[in-house]
Amino acid sequence: MDILTLTAFFMWYTIIVAAVLTGSTIFLLFASNFMYRKHNKWFPMPRESFNLVLYSSLVMLEIVFVVFCVAPFLALLIVG
């Protein structure tokens, strides 16, 4: 595989994962009450704990996004 193919792959990979992350963030912002009601049936917990879990999950997803999508793409852009 050459560097141009890898760069194109990571570019589209970054775009797709960014779209999924943005969509899930928007969904969590506007449908958090709906999600809380649904998840509270399975795992009863206070609202504050649920918000903490959602926020922590989003932060972890953003860190994984930067480490595994953005950083390799930028490295390939610099090298290429």
C-alpha atoms as a PDB file:
ATOM      1  CA  MET A   1       0.000   0.000   0.000  1.00  0.00           C
ATOM      2  CA  ASP A   2       1.380   3.385  -0.877  1.00  0.00           C
ATOM      3  CA  ILE A   3       1.194   6.537   1.199  1.00  0.00           C
ATOM      4  CA  LEU A   4      -1.450   8.195  -0.997  1.00  0.00           C
ATOM      5  CA  THR A   5      -3.832   5.267  -0.530  1.00  0.00           C
ATOM      6  CA  LEU A   6      -3.290   5.309   3.230  1.00  0.00           C
ATOM      7  CA  THR A   7      -3.828   9.059   3.338  1.00  0.00           C
ATOM      8  CA  ALA A   8      -7.088   8.756   1.389  1.00  0.00           C
ATOM      9  CA  PHE A   9      -8.212   5.910   3.666  1.00  0.00           C
ATOM     10  CA  PHE A  10      -7.531   7.858   6.848  1.00  0.00           C
ATOM     11  CA  MET A  11      -9.146  10.971   5.400  1.00  0.00           C
ATOM     12  CA  TRP A  12     -12.439   9.144   4.753  1.00  0.00           C
ATOM     13  CA  TYR A  13     -12.104   7.214   8.010  1.00  0.00           C
ATOM     14  CA  THR A  14     -11.754  10.508   9.903  1.00  0.00           C
ATOM     15  CA  ILE A  15     -14.705  12.074   8.077  1.00  0.00           C
ATOM     16  CA  ILE A  16     -17.004   9.108   8.729  1.00  0.00           C
ATOM     17  CA  VAL A  17     -16.074   8.760  12.397  1.00  0.00           C
ATOM     18  CA  ALA A  18     -16.418  12.527  12.894  1.00  0.00           C
ATOM     19  CA  ALA A  19     -19.919  12.379  11.392  1.00  0.00           C
ATOM     20  CA  VAL A  20     -20.899   9.501  13.693  1.00  0.00           C
ATOM     21  CA  LEU A  21     -19.437  11.283  16.716  1.00  0.00           C
ATOM     22  CA  THR A  22     -21.222  14.520  15.815  1.00  0.00           C
ATOM     23  CA  GLY A  23     -24.493  12.690  15.272  1.00  0.00           C
ATOM     24  CA  SER A  24     -24.250  10.868  18.574  1.00  0.00           C
ATOM     25  CA  THR A  25     -23.391  14.103  20.380  1.00  0.00           C
ATOM     26  CA  ILE A  26     -26.399  15.873  18.867  1.00  0.00           C
ATOM     27  CA  PHE A  27     -28.606  12.897  19.716  1.00  0.00           C
ATOM     28  CA  LEU A  28     -27.388  12.931  23.319  1.00  0.00           C
ATOM     29  CA  LEU A  29     -27.988  16.662  23.603  1.00  0.00           C
ATOM     30  CA  PHE A  30     -31.561  16.572  22.348  1.00  0.00           C
ATOM     31  CA  ALA A  31     -32.736  13.105  23.387  1.00  0.00           C
ATOM     32  CA  SER A  32     -31.100  12.651  26.778  1.00  0.00           C
ATOM     33  CA  ASN A  33     -34.452  12.470  28.592  1.00  0.00           C
ATOM     34  CA  PHE A  34     -35.640   9.769  26.200  1.00  0.00           C
ATOM     35  CA  MET A  35     -32.418   7.819  26.673  1.00  0.00           C
ATOM     36  CA  TYR A  36     -32.577   8.199  30.434  1.00  0.00           C
ATOM     37  CA  ARG A  37     -36.118   6.813  30.567  1.00  0.00           C
ATOM     38  CA  LYS A  38     -35.194   3.831  28.362  1.00  0.00           C
ATOM     39  CA  HIS A  39     -31.953   3.005  30.148  1.00  0.00           C
ATOM     40  CA  ASN A  40     -33.413   3.558  33.602  1.00  0.00           C
ATOM     41  CA  LYS A  41     -35.719   0.590  33.005  1.00  0.00           C
ATOM     42  CA  TRP A  42     -32.707  -1.683  32.509  1.00  0.00           C
ATOM     43  CA  PHE A  43     -30.209  -0.066  34.882  1.00  0.00           C
ATOM     44  CA  PRO A  44     -31.862   2.037  37.592  1.00  0.00           C
ATOM     45  CA  MET A  45     -29.614   4.950  38.555  1.00  0.00           C
ATOM     46  CA  PRO A  46     -29.944   8.595  39.532  1.00  0.00           C
ATOM     47  CA  ARG A  47     -30.013  11.185  36.760  1.00  0.00           C
ATOM     48  CA  GLU A  48     -26.679  12.673  37.872  1.00  0.00           C
ATOM     49  CA  SER A  49     -24.950   9.313  37.492  1.00  0.00           C
ATOM     50  CA  PHE A  50     -26.493   8.833  34.070  1.00  0.00           C
ATOM     51  CA  ASN A  51     -25.269  12.254  32.955  1.00  0.00           C
ATOM     52  CA  LEU A  52     -21.786  11.454  34.248  1.00  0.00           C
ATOM     53  CA  VAL A  53     -21.718   8.178  32.324  1.00  0.00           C
ATOM     54  CA  LEU A  54     -22.880   9.879  29.110  1.00  0.00           C
ATOM     55  CA  TYR A  55     -20.355  12.675  29.424  1.00  0.00           C
ATOM     56  CA  SER A  56     -17.521  10.259  30.240  1.00  0.00           C
ATOM     57  CA  SER A  57     -18.425   8.096  27.261  1.00  0.00           C
ATOM     58  CA  LEU A  58     -18.406  11.087  24.925  1.00  0.00           C
ATOM     59  CA  VAL A  59     -15.033  12.222  26.223  1.00  0.00           C
ATOM     60  CA  MET A  60     -13.575   8.746  25.728  1.00  0.00           C
ATOM     61  CA  LEU A  61     -14.959   8.594  22.193  1.00  0.00           C
ATOM     62  CA  GLU A  62     -13.412  11.972  21.406  1.00  0.00           C
ATOM     63  CA  ILE A  63     -10.027  10.870  22.750  1.00  0.00           C
ATOM     64  CA  VAL A  64     -10.167   7.654  20.711  1.00  0.00           C
ATOM     65  CA  PHE A  65     -11.192   9.703  17.664  1.00  0.00           C
ATOM     66  CA  VAL A  66      -8.215  12.024  17.987  1.00  0.00           C
ATOM     67  CA  VAL A  67      -5.722   9.244  18.694  1.00  0.00           C
ATOM     68  CA  PHE A  68      -6.857   6.727  16.069  1.00  0.00           C
ATOM     69  CA  CYS A  69      -8.297   8.962  13.324  1.00  0.00           C
ATOM     70  CA  VAL A  70      -6.969  12.492  13.353  1.00  0.00           C
ATOM     71  CA  ALA A  71      -3.386  11.824  14.478  1.00  0.00           C
ATOM     72  CA  PRO A  72      -2.619   9.157  11.824  1.00  0.00           C
ATOM     73  CA  PHE A  73      -4.213  11.285   9.121  1.00  0.00           C
ATOM     74  CA  LEU A  74      -2.165  14.336  10.098  1.00  0.00           C
ATOM     75  CA  ALA A  75       1.005  12.233  10.310  1.00  0.00           C
ATOM     76  CA  LEU A  76       0.392  10.888   6.814  1.00  0.00           C
ATOM     77  CA  LEU A  77      -0.238  14.410   5.519  1.00  0.00           C
ATOM     78  CA  ILE A  78       3.043  15.594   7.008  1.00  0.00           C
ATOM     79  CA  VAL A  79       5.023  12.617   5.693  1.00  0.00           C
ATOM     80  CA  GLY A  80       3.363  12.685   2.275  1.00  0.00           C
END
